[in-house]
Protein backbone atom coordinates (compact mmCIF):
# COMPACT_ATOMS: atom_id res chain seq x y z
CA MET A 1 98.48 102.20 81.79
CA VAL A 2 95.60 103.12 83.48
CA GLU A 3 93.95 106.40 83.06
CA MET A 4 92.54 108.04 86.06
CA SER A 5 91.71 111.58 87.23
CA ASP A 6 93.42 113.60 89.94
CA GLU A 7 90.57 113.13 92.07
CA ASP A 8 90.21 109.42 91.57
CA PHE A 9 93.82 108.63 92.38
CA LYS A 10 93.84 110.92 95.28
CA ALA A 11 90.79 108.89 96.64
CA ILE A 12 92.81 105.65 96.58
CA VAL A 13 95.78 107.15 98.28
CA ALA A 14 93.42 108.36 101.11
CA GLU A 15 91.81 105.00 101.01
CA VAL A 16 95.17 103.37 101.51
CA LEU A 17 95.94 105.79 104.29
CA ASP A 18 92.71 104.78 106.16
CA ARG A 19 93.62 101.18 106.29
CA ILE A 20 97.06 101.79 107.85
CA PRO A 21 96.62 100.11 111.23
CA GLU A 22 96.04 102.32 114.07
CA PRO A 23 99.32 101.54 116.01
CA ILE A 24 101.40 102.73 113.18
CA HIS A 25 98.86 105.74 111.96
CA ARG A 26 99.32 106.72 115.80
CA ARG A 27 103.15 107.13 115.30
CA LEU A 28 102.84 109.23 112.29
CA VAL A 29 103.51 112.31 113.80
CA ASN A 30 104.29 115.54 111.51
CA VAL A 31 103.81 113.92 108.30
CA ALA A 32 102.04 115.33 105.21
CA PHE A 33 101.32 113.44 102.51
CA VAL A 34 101.02 114.74 99.30
CA VAL A 35 100.21 113.73 95.47
CA GLU A 36 102.15 115.02 92.79
CA SER A 37 102.17 114.07 88.81
CA ALA A 38 105.62 113.10 88.53
CA PRO A 39 109.19 113.80 89.68
CA GLU A 40 111.39 115.98 87.45
CA GLU A 41 114.44 114.28 88.00
CA ASP A 42 113.36 110.23 87.58
CA PHE A 43 109.97 109.33 86.02
CA ASP A 44 110.44 105.94 87.43
CA LEU A 45 110.33 107.22 91.13
CA LEU A 46 107.01 106.21 92.64
CA GLY A 47 107.20 107.84 95.58
CA HIS A 48 109.79 110.13 98.18
CA TYR A 49 110.31 110.77 101.60
CA ASP A 50 111.72 113.99 102.75
CA GLY A 51 112.43 114.44 106.26
CA PHE A 52 114.13 112.86 109.18
CA PRO A 53 113.65 109.46 110.17
CA VAL A 54 112.12 109.18 113.68
CA THR A 55 114.95 107.18 114.65
CA MET A 56 116.86 110.41 114.62
CA ALA A 57 114.31 112.49 116.45
CA GLY A 58 115.34 111.46 120.22
CA ASP A 59 113.20 112.02 122.89
CA GLY A 60 112.13 115.71 122.44
CA GLY A 61 111.44 115.00 118.79
CA MET A 62 112.80 117.47 116.27
CA ILE A 63 111.73 120.75 117.91
CA GLY A 64 111.48 123.47 114.98
CA ALA A 65 111.63 121.22 112.20
CA LEU A 66 109.17 121.28 109.17
CA PRO A 67 106.89 118.38 108.38
CA ASN A 68 108.18 115.27 106.86
CA LYS A 69 106.75 114.75 103.64
CA ILE A 70 105.66 111.69 102.03
CA THR A 71 105.06 112.19 97.97
CA ILE A 72 103.19 109.64 96.09
CA TYR A 73 103.67 110.14 92.30
CA ARG A 74 100.80 109.70 90.12
CA ASP A 75 101.72 109.25 86.76
CA PRO A 76 104.60 106.76 86.93
CA ILE A 77 102.46 104.84 88.95
CA LEU A 78 99.24 105.05 86.19
CA ALA A 79 102.13 104.37 83.45
CA MET A 80 103.11 101.11 85.13
CA CYS A 81 99.56 99.62 86.01
CA GLU A 82 97.30 97.70 83.97
CA SER A 83 94.08 97.68 86.20
CA VAL A 84 92.52 100.11 88.89
CA ASP A 85 93.60 96.93 91.22
CA HIS A 86 97.10 97.24 90.13
CA VAL A 87 97.06 101.10 90.98
CA ILE A 88 95.70 100.44 94.70
CA GLU A 89 98.24 97.82 95.04
CA GLU A 90 101.14 99.82 93.82
CA VAL A 91 100.14 102.79 95.87
CA ALA A 92 99.66 100.81 98.95
CA VAL A 93 103.07 99.16 98.49
CA THR A 94 104.74 102.70 97.75
CA VAL A 95 103.06 104.50 100.95
CA ILE A 96 104.06 101.42 103.04
CA HIS A 97 107.84 101.67 101.44
CA GLU A 98 107.56 105.61 102.11
CA ILE A 99 106.30 105.18 105.71
CA GLY A 100 109.26 102.71 106.37
CA HIS A 101 111.59 105.49 105.41
CA TYR A 102 109.94 107.46 108.02
CA PHE A 103 110.66 104.70 110.54
CA GLY A 104 114.26 104.98 109.39
CA LEU A 105 114.30 101.66 107.24
CA ASP A 106 116.59 101.68 104.15
CA ASP A 107 115.91 100.57 100.87
CA GLY A 108 117.53 97.24 101.47
CA LYS A 109 115.73 96.32 104.60
CA LEU A 110 112.59 97.38 102.70
CA HIS A 111 113.43 95.06 99.68
CA ASP A 112 113.87 92.19 102.34
CA LEU A 113 110.79 93.16 104.00
CA GLY A 114 108.95 92.76 100.47
CA TRP A 115 108.04 96.59 100.28
CA ALA A 116 110.55 97.89 97.38
């Protein structure tokens, strides 16, 4: 387990988001990224995508839709990691996994691509 302040963890998430390649970053429209301590229903859950994949939006987008939300869960990630480098790696995998859901990929496809 790694102990880390909320601010330091959020800085890691921000750093990972800053490393997203521009062609992908440009396509992340109407998406809010948030950090929460832990999910109520499943402590082993590292992240969660809540919204409609862009594959459902069509040409006009989802007019009037609330922002999509990607949540990164701090406590489960810190509990499973053994070092700060491991935290950075798990945050990166989790962010990419949840962005994959935004682009319409299911867990099976993300697993096949090595992002599960």
